[in-house]
Amino acid sequence: MTFHTFHCPKQTGEVGEQKRTGVWNDLSCSSGQNFALNMSKGDSIWDLAIETVHQQEKDGKDGQQENRPAEESSVLLMGSKTSGKTSIILRFLDRDEAAKPTTALEFTFGRRARNNLAKDVVNIWELGGGTFLSRLVDTAINVNSVRQLAVILVLDLSRPDDLWVTMETLLKQARAAADKSIAELDKLQPGVKQALRKKAWEKYDEHPDKDMVDPFPVPLVIVGGKYDVFQDFDSEKRKIICKTLRFVAHNYGASLLFFSLKMKQLIDRGRVMNNHLSFGAAAPQLKSMQLEHNKPIYIPAGADAFQQIGPPPLPEGNVGTMSARNPVELWKQAFTGHFPQVSAVPTVQDDPAKDPQYAESSIDAMRQQKDEELERYRKNAERKSREIARMRDGLKM
């Protein structure tokens, strides 16, 4: 009989393409360790298997959790360009590779094995290009995914002049897609809309701000990326940005956390949050909550309060000139007064067909040939057009 080497699976999830070393790898870490230990006592493999199953049945609530059938969820990451979305995914999937620029909408997945050998799957969508292709969120947010969907909005803290317009555009598009999908699903499965609404509001059942918030229809996490750069900002600027993000996150019922690839504590916290959204594991501990603007913020959904956040940071001299129809609009005017936003007009992106990471010699050669044929056609068309123009001029004379 052939025995496979035991490997303790990591809690963060596993890349879909990875191969397992054997069936015993799908046992929990503790069960696998007991298995390896008891092998030295001379017990048969069947005795050990029975003992392992009995131990799992004694785990009570945890055992019941592990005996659930395999589940499938979806996570959509969107946000500022070069804010670290791809790196967050790679760290979560434990893939040791360099992040590459994301073109349009990219897909990957992760799996997590449980004690009963069932494997939970998370479908991971990443929207690239900032707000340029925001309508592509409709691909990830649909009738099939919306019931088990979570959204992660990653914002570049080092670029406050692009922060509000990115946040506003993407949240608006994602919310419209979610509302539409939920309405369509409710026609097929009556009661879904009410169930999702109840889930979104449950954290505010006894909250003093219950009548003033507008929770997102699906779980939402706002991530402030590049904290290592942001921490060197002027203290007053950091305070304005932090207060604004706290308001937006609390208003939409979202969790808020800061992230940096250069700080292990923040990487670990981001991985735990991803594991929570993807596989229903525990969220980062409430005791690690951080509200201070001079430290990396972490605030779970529903744990903040408008009274704690304070009033919007209105620029001096503008208090009497601002008019807003709602609190969100007032905070927008206050924030953009300090950090005027760059134009929201989309710019043409580089041709992805010329990106070296997508190079394929046979296809690229054919593409070059077609480009040359098109250029010859264009020149011939221009020459004929000039000849016709000269003939017309000759006839008029």
Protein backbone atom coordinates (compact mmCIF):
# COMPACT_ATOMS: atom_id res chain seq x y z
CA MET A 1 0.00 0.00 0.00
CA THR A 2 1.31 3.43 -0.93
CA PHE A 3 1.19 6.20 1.67
CA HIS A 4 1.11 9.85 0.71
CA THR A 5 3.09 12.51 2.51
CA PHE A 6 0.89 14.46 4.91
CA HIS A 7 0.61 18.18 4.22
CA CYS A 8 -1.17 20.57 6.58
CA PRO A 9 -3.41 22.72 4.32
CA LYS A 10 -3.25 26.47 4.82
CA GLN A 11 -6.29 28.35 6.08
CA THR A 12 -6.21 31.03 3.41
CA GLY A 13 -7.48 28.95 0.52
CA GLU A 14 -5.67 27.16 -2.25
CA VAL A 15 -5.04 28.00 -5.87
CA GLY A 16 -7.31 26.04 -8.15
CA GLU A 17 -4.49 24.77 -10.33
CA GLN A 18 -2.43 23.32 -7.46
CA LYS A 19 -2.33 19.52 -7.09
CA ARG A 20 -2.84 17.85 -3.75
CA THR A 21 -0.33 15.26 -2.50
CA GLY A 22 -2.96 12.73 -1.47
CA VAL A 23 -6.38 12.11 -0.03
CA TRP A 24 -5.12 12.52 3.54
CA ASN A 25 -4.18 16.10 2.75
CA ASP A 26 -7.87 16.96 2.86
CA LEU A 27 -8.06 16.16 6.57
CA SER A 28 -7.80 19.00 9.05
CA CYS A 29 -4.34 19.90 10.29
CA SER A 30 -4.96 18.45 13.74
CA SER A 31 -6.45 15.23 12.33
CA GLY A 32 -3.53 14.80 9.97
CA GLN A 33 -1.04 15.26 12.79
CA ASN A 34 -2.87 12.62 14.86
CA PHE A 35 -2.85 10.32 11.86
CA ALA A 36 0.90 10.67 11.38
CA LEU A 37 1.48 10.19 15.14
CA ASN A 38 -0.64 7.06 15.43
CA MET A 39 0.97 5.43 12.39
CA SER A 40 4.06 4.92 14.52
CA LYS A 41 2.00 2.91 17.05
CA GLY A 42 1.32 0.13 14.57
CA ASP A 43 -2.44 0.73 14.14
CA SER A 44 -3.94 -0.23 10.79
CA ILE A 45 -4.93 2.49 8.38
CA TRP A 46 -8.63 1.62 8.80
CA ASP A 47 -8.42 1.89 12.60
CA LEU A 48 -6.86 5.30 12.20
CA ALA A 49 -9.47 6.42 9.67
CA ILE A 50 -12.30 5.36 12.02
CA GLU A 51 -10.62 7.12 14.93
CA THR A 52 -10.23 10.28 12.86
CA VAL A 53 -13.93 10.30 11.89
CA HIS A 54 -14.99 9.74 15.51
CA GLN A 55 -12.78 12.63 16.60
CA GLN A 56 -14.38 14.92 14.02
CA GLU A 57 -17.87 13.92 15.22
CA LYS A 58 -16.86 14.97 18.74
CA ASP A 59 -15.93 18.44 17.58
CA GLY A 60 -19.51 19.62 18.12
CA LYS A 61 -20.34 22.82 16.33
CA ASP A 62 -17.09 22.89 14.38
CA GLY A 63 -17.73 19.37 13.18
CA GLN A 64 -21.21 20.35 12.00
CA GLN A 65 -19.70 23.27 10.13
CA GLU A 66 -17.20 20.99 8.38
CA ASN A 67 -19.92 18.52 7.33
CA ARG A 68 -21.74 21.09 5.24
CA PRO A 69 -21.88 20.31 1.51
CA ALA A 70 -19.42 22.17 -0.71
CA GLU A 71 -20.33 25.81 -1.25
CA GLU A 72 -19.53 28.34 -3.96
CA SER A 73 -19.13 32.08 -3.48
CA SER A 74 -17.93 35.05 -5.53
CA VAL A 75 -15.78 38.07 -4.74
CA LEU A 76 -15.39 41.12 -6.98
CA LEU A 77 -12.35 43.37 -6.51
CA MET A 78 -12.50 46.81 -8.13
CA GLY A 79 -10.91 50.18 -7.48
CA SER A 80 -8.12 52.58 -8.36
CA LYS A 81 -5.51 51.66 -10.95
CA THR A 82 -2.30 50.19 -9.49
CA SER A 83 -3.83 50.22 -5.99
CA GLY A 84 -2.82 46.63 -5.18
CA LYS A 85 -5.89 44.58 -6.17
CA THR A 86 -3.88 41.85 -7.91
CA SER A 87 -1.40 41.67 -5.03
CA ILE A 88 -4.25 41.21 -2.54
CA ILE A 89 -5.52 38.26 -4.59
CA LEU A 90 -2.06 36.69 -4.90
CA ARG A 91 -1.45 36.95 -1.15
CA PHE A 92 -4.84 35.41 -0.40
CA LEU A 93 -4.23 32.49 -2.77
CA ASP A 94 -0.66 32.14 -1.48
CA ARG A 95 0.78 32.48 -4.95
CA ASP A 96 4.39 33.58 -5.00
CA GLU A 97 4.54 35.53 -8.24
CA ALA A 98 4.88 39.12 -9.37
CA ALA A 99 1.67 41.06 -9.95
CA LYS A 100 0.94 41.95 -13.58
CA PRO A 101 -1.28 44.79 -14.83
CA THR A 102 -4.91 43.75 -15.09
CA THR A 103 -6.55 44.15 -18.48
CA ALA A 104 -10.34 44.65 -18.40
CA LEU A 105 -11.96 41.96 -16.22
CA GLU A 106 -9.91 38.96 -15.12
CA PHE A 107 -11.00 35.76 -13.38
CA THR A 108 -9.38 33.22 -11.09
CA PHE A 109 -10.58 30.98 -8.28
CA GLY A 110 -9.54 29.47 -4.99
CA ARG A 111 -10.52 26.30 -3.14
CA ARG A 112 -10.55 25.26 0.49
CA ALA A 113 -10.76 21.61 1.50
CA ARG A 114 -12.72 20.64 4.62
CA ASN A 115 -12.65 17.55 6.84
CA ASN A 116 -15.38 15.79 4.89
CA LEU A 117 -13.29 16.14 1.69
CA ALA A 118 -15.74 18.68 0.24
CA LYS A 119 -14.05 21.68 -1.34
CA ASP A 120 -15.53 25.17 -1.08
CA VAL A 121 -14.86 27.31 -4.15
CA VAL A 122 -14.59 31.08 -4.45
CA ASN A 123 -14.80 32.74 -7.86
CA ILE A 124 -12.60 35.84 -7.88
CA TRP A 125 -13.19 38.65 -10.36
CA GLU A 126 -10.84 41.61 -10.71
CA LEU A 127 -11.80 44.75 -12.61
CA GLY A 128 -8.80 46.60 -14.00
CA GLY A 129 -8.41 50.11 -15.38
CA GLY A 130 -9.99 52.06 -12.54
CA THR A 131 -13.32 53.52 -13.71
CA PHE A 132 -12.60 53.13 -17.44
CA LEU A 133 -14.45 49.81 -17.80
CA SER A 134 -16.81 50.11 -14.83
CA ARG A 135 -19.73 48.62 -16.76
CA LEU A 136 -17.96 45.27 -16.81
CA VAL A 137 -19.01 44.75 -13.19
CA ASP A 138 -22.28 43.47 -14.68
CA THR A 139 -20.38 40.36 -15.77
CA ALA A 140 -19.39 39.49 -12.20
CA ILE A 141 -22.59 40.69 -10.52
CA ASN A 142 -25.46 38.67 -11.95
CA VAL A 143 -28.40 36.48 -11.01
CA ASN A 144 -26.18 33.45 -10.48
CA SER A 145 -23.63 35.13 -8.21
CA VAL A 146 -25.42 37.88 -6.29
CA ARG A 147 -26.74 35.72 -3.46
CA GLN A 148 -23.22 34.63 -2.40
CA LEU A 149 -21.34 37.74 -3.54
CA ALA A 150 -19.02 40.15 -1.74
CA VAL A 151 -17.47 43.32 -3.15
CA ILE A 152 -14.03 44.71 -2.25
CA LEU A 153 -13.32 48.31 -3.25
CA VAL A 154 -9.59 49.07 -3.21
CA LEU A 155 -8.65 52.76 -3.17
CA ASP A 156 -5.20 54.27 -3.61
CA LEU A 157 -4.56 56.29 -0.44
CA SER A 158 -1.53 57.92 -2.06
CA ARG A 159 -3.76 59.60 -4.67
CA PRO A 160 -6.54 61.50 -2.87
CA ASP A 161 -7.18 63.56 -6.04
CA ASP A 162 -8.61 60.41 -7.65
CA LEU A 163 -10.16 58.80 -4.59
CA TRP A 164 -13.70 60.20 -4.49
CA VAL A 165 -14.44 59.98 -8.21
CA THR A 166 -13.22 56.37 -8.30
CA MET A 167 -15.20 55.41 -5.22
CA GLU A 168 -18.38 57.15 -6.38
CA THR A 169 -18.30 55.77 -9.94
CA LEU A 170 -17.59 52.16 -9.05
CA LEU A 171 -19.98 51.95 -6.08
CA LYS A 172 -22.77 53.43 -8.19
CA GLN A 173 -22.20 50.91 -10.98
CA ALA A 174 -21.86 47.95 -8.62
CA ARG A 175 -24.96 48.91 -6.66
CA ALA A 176 -27.05 49.25 -9.82
CA ALA A 177 -25.88 45.81 -11.01
CA ALA A 178 -26.59 44.24 -7.61
CA ASP A 179 -30.06 45.78 -7.31
CA LYS A 180 -30.95 44.63 -10.82
CA SER A 181 -29.69 41.09 -10.23
CA ILE A 182 -31.46 40.80 -6.88
CA ALA A 183 -34.75 41.96 -8.42
CA GLU A 184 -34.44 39.40 -11.24
CA LEU A 185 -33.52 36.62 -8.80
CA ASP A 186 -36.45 37.49 -6.55
CA LYS A 187 -38.82 36.77 -9.44
CA LEU A 188 -37.33 33.29 -9.75
CA GLN A 189 -36.93 32.69 -6.02
CA PRO A 190 -39.43 34.84 -4.09
CA GLY A 191 -38.07 35.99 -0.74
CA VAL A 192 -34.44 36.38 -1.82
CA LYS A 193 -34.64 40.17 -1.91
CA GLN A 194 -36.06 40.34 1.61
CA ALA A 195 -33.47 37.86 2.91
CA LEU A 196 -30.55 39.83 1.49
CA ARG A 197 -31.98 43.08 2.79
CA LYS A 198 -32.36 41.58 6.26
CA LYS A 199 -28.76 40.37 6.17
CA ALA A 200 -27.50 43.81 5.10
CA TRP A 201 -29.40 45.56 7.90
CA GLU A 202 -28.85 43.09 10.76
CA LYS A 203 -25.70 44.86 11.99
CA TYR A 204 -27.78 48.03 12.47
CA ASP A 205 -30.77 46.53 14.28
CA GLU A 206 -29.98 48.39 17.50
CA HIS A 207 -27.52 50.93 16.16
CA PRO A 208 -28.19 54.64 16.92
CA ASP A 209 -27.54 55.48 13.24
CA LYS A 210 -30.10 53.00 11.94
CA ASP A 211 -32.29 55.70 10.34
CA MET A 212 -29.37 57.49 8.68
CA VAL A 213 -27.40 54.72 6.93
CA ASP A 214 -27.94 53.13 3.54
CA PRO A 215 -26.32 49.65 3.59
CA PHE A 216 -24.95 48.16 0.37
CA PRO A 217 -27.11 45.25 -0.88
CA VAL A 218 -24.22 42.74 -0.62
CA PRO A 219 -21.25 42.58 1.80
CA LEU A 220 -18.83 45.41 1.05
CA VAL A 221 -15.27 46.02 2.21
CA ILE A 222 -13.40 49.26 1.47
CA VAL A 223 -9.62 48.82 1.43
CA GLY A 224 -7.21 51.74 1.58
CA GLY A 225 -4.17 50.59 -0.36
CA LYS A 226 -0.56 51.83 -0.24
CA TYR A 227 -0.72 52.70 3.44
CA ASP A 228 3.09 52.71 3.57
CA VAL A 229 3.04 55.83 1.35
CA PHE A 230 -0.01 57.35 3.01
CA GLN A 231 1.50 57.24 6.51
CA ASP A 232 4.07 59.85 5.43
CA PHE A 233 1.37 62.37 4.47
CA ASP A 234 0.81 65.54 6.48
CA SER A 235 -1.20 64.73 9.62
CA GLU A 236 -4.11 67.02 8.69
CA LYS A 237 -4.42 65.46 5.23
CA ARG A 238 -4.45 61.97 6.73
CA LYS A 239 -7.15 63.02 9.17
CA ILE A 240 -9.40 64.39 6.40
CA ILE A 241 -9.00 61.27 4.25
CA CYS A 242 -9.57 58.90 7.17
CA LYS A 243 -12.68 60.72 8.39
CA THR A 244 -14.13 60.74 4.88
CA LEU A 245 -13.53 57.03 4.33
CA ARG A 246 -14.98 56.25 7.74
CA PHE A 247 -18.12 58.17 6.85
CA VAL A 248 -18.52 56.45 3.47
CA ALA A 249 -17.89 52.98 4.91
CA HIS A 250 -20.31 53.50 7.81
CA ASN A 251 -22.97 54.99 5.54
CA TYR A 252 -22.86 51.98 3.20
CA GLY A 253 -22.55 49.35 5.94
CA ALA A 254 -19.02 48.42 4.85
CA SER A 255 -15.92 47.31 6.71
CA LEU A 256 -12.90 49.60 6.34
CA LEU A 257 -9.28 48.52 6.54
CA PHE A 258 -5.92 49.86 5.36
CA PHE A 259 -3.46 47.67 3.50
CA SER A 260 0.19 47.65 2.50
CA LEU A 261 2.34 44.99 0.86
CA LYS A 262 5.25 46.18 2.98
CA MET A 263 3.61 45.51 6.35
CA LYS A 264 3.06 41.91 7.43
CA GLN A 265 0.38 42.78 9.98
CA LEU A 266 -1.76 44.43 7.28
CA ILE A 267 -1.14 41.58 4.82
CA ASP A 268 -2.31 39.05 7.42
CA ARG A 269 -5.38 41.14 8.26
CA GLY A 270 -6.28 41.39 4.57
CA ARG A 271 -5.88 37.64 4.15
CA VAL A 272 -8.18 36.96 7.11
CA MET A 273 -10.80 39.33 5.69
CA ASN A 274 -10.61 37.62 2.28
CA ASN A 275 -10.99 34.23 3.96
CA HIS A 276 -14.05 35.56 5.78
CA LEU A 277 -15.70 36.86 2.60
CA SER A 278 -14.79 33.80 0.52
CA PHE A 279 -15.36 30.89 2.88
CA GLY A 280 -17.30 32.27 5.83
CA ALA A 281 -14.36 32.02 8.23
CA ALA A 282 -14.07 34.38 11.18
CA ALA A 283 -13.49 38.06 10.36
CA PRO A 284 -10.51 39.96 11.83
CA GLN A 285 -11.01 40.27 15.59
CA LEU A 286 -13.02 43.20 16.88
CA LYS A 287 -10.37 43.88 19.53
CA SER A 288 -7.95 44.86 16.73
CA MET A 289 -10.29 47.70 15.65
CA GLN A 290 -8.38 50.92 15.03
CA LEU A 291 -10.00 54.36 14.63
CA GLU A 292 -6.99 56.68 14.87
CA HIS A 293 -5.89 58.43 11.67
CA ASN A 294 -2.22 58.09 12.61
CA LYS A 295 -2.47 54.28 12.58
CA PRO A 296 -3.67 51.74 9.97
CA ILE A 297 -7.45 51.85 10.30
CA TYR A 298 -9.58 48.75 10.75
CA ILE A 299 -13.30 49.13 11.48
CA PRO A 300 -15.74 46.21 11.03
CA ALA A 301 -19.09 46.95 9.43
CA GLY A 302 -21.51 48.52 11.91
CA ALA A 303 -18.85 49.22 14.56
CA ASP A 304 -18.47 52.94 13.82
CA ALA A 305 -20.87 55.82 14.50
CA PHE A 306 -21.49 59.22 12.92
CA GLN A 307 -21.04 60.87 16.31
CA GLN A 308 -17.57 59.33 16.62
CA ILE A 309 -16.65 60.34 13.07
CA GLY A 310 -17.65 63.96 13.60
CA PRO A 311 -18.74 66.65 11.11
CA PRO A 312 -17.39 66.86 7.56
CA PRO A 313 -14.06 68.72 7.27
CA LEU A 314 -15.35 71.79 5.41
CA PRO A 315 -12.61 74.02 3.93
CA GLU A 316 -12.21 77.37 5.64
CA GLY A 317 -14.30 80.06 4.04
CA ASN A 318 -16.64 77.60 2.30
CA VAL A 319 -19.01 76.86 5.17
CA GLY A 320 -21.64 79.37 4.11
CA THR A 321 -21.36 78.68 0.38
CA MET A 322 -22.05 74.94 0.37
CA SER A 323 -25.46 73.46 -0.25
CA ALA A 324 -26.16 69.73 -0.25
CA ARG A 325 -29.28 67.60 -0.52
CA ASN A 326 -27.94 64.79 1.66
CA PRO A 327 -24.99 63.96 3.95
CA VAL A 328 -23.08 62.08 1.21
CA GLU A 329 -23.18 65.12 -1.05
CA LEU A 330 -22.02 67.36 1.80
CA TRP A 331 -19.05 65.09 2.54
CA LYS A 332 -18.23 65.00 -1.16
CA GLN A 333 -18.12 68.80 -1.33
CA ALA A 334 -15.98 68.94 1.81
CA PHE A 335 -13.50 66.33 0.57
CA THR A 336 -13.19 67.68 -2.97
CA GLY A 337 -12.72 71.14 -1.51
CA HIS A 338 -9.48 69.91 0.05
CA PHE A 339 -8.57 67.49 -2.77
CA PRO A 340 -9.92 68.64 -6.18
CA GLN A 341 -10.59 65.55 -8.26
CA VAL A 342 -8.94 64.85 -11.60
CA SER A 343 -11.17 64.64 -14.65
CA ALA A 344 -13.46 61.62 -14.68
CA VAL A 345 -13.38 61.49 -18.50
CA PRO A 346 -12.07 58.02 -19.47
CA THR A 347 -8.79 57.96 -21.35
CA VAL A 348 -7.90 55.48 -24.06
CA GLN A 349 -5.85 52.66 -22.59
CA ASP A 350 -2.76 51.09 -24.13
CA ASP A 351 -3.50 48.36 -26.66
CA PRO A 352 -3.49 45.09 -24.63
CA ALA A 353 -2.65 43.20 -27.84
CA LYS A 354 0.82 44.76 -27.64
CA ASP A 355 1.36 43.86 -24.00
CA PRO A 356 4.35 41.45 -23.70
CA GLN A 357 2.56 39.36 -21.04
CA TYR A 358 0.01 38.25 -23.67
CA ALA A 359 2.55 37.53 -26.44
CA GLU A 360 1.81 34.59 -28.79
CA SER A 361 4.15 34.38 -31.77
CA SER A 362 1.75 32.84 -34.32
CA ILE A 363 -1.13 35.17 -33.48
CA ASP A 364 1.14 38.21 -33.25
CA ALA A 365 2.62 37.42 -36.70
CA MET A 366 -0.85 37.17 -38.23
CA ARG A 367 -1.90 40.38 -36.48
CA GLN A 368 1.15 42.17 -37.94
CA GLN A 369 0.31 40.85 -41.38
CA LYS A 370 -3.27 42.11 -41.13
CA ASP A 371 -2.08 45.49 -39.86
CA GLU A 372 0.23 45.79 -42.89
CA GLU A 373 -2.59 44.82 -45.25
CA LEU A 374 -4.83 47.40 -43.63
CA GLU A 375 -2.15 50.08 -43.99
CA ARG A 376 -1.71 49.25 -47.71
CA TYR A 377 -5.48 49.38 -48.20
CA ARG A 378 -5.64 52.76 -46.47
CA LYS A 379 -2.87 54.20 -48.66
CA ASN A 380 -4.49 52.86 -51.84
CA ALA A 381 -7.83 54.33 -50.82
CA GLU A 382 -6.23 57.73 -50.18
CA ARG A 383 -4.41 57.64 -53.54
CA LYS A 384 -7.61 56.78 -55.43
CA SER A 385 -9.43 59.52 -53.59
CA ARG A 386 -6.83 62.07 -54.70
CA GLU A 387 -6.98 60.82 -58.32
CA ILE A 388 -10.77 61.13 -58.38
CA ALA A 389 -10.51 64.64 -56.96
CA ARG A 390 -8.02 65.65 -59.70
CA MET A 391 -10.29 64.19 -62.43
CA ARG A 392 -13.23 66.19 -61.11
CA ASP A 393 -11.15 69.35 -61.07
CA GLY A 394 -10.09 68.67 -64.70
CA LEU A 395 -13.69 68.24 -65.85
CA LYS A 396 -14.72 71.50 -64.24
CA MET A 397 -12.05 73.34 -66.20
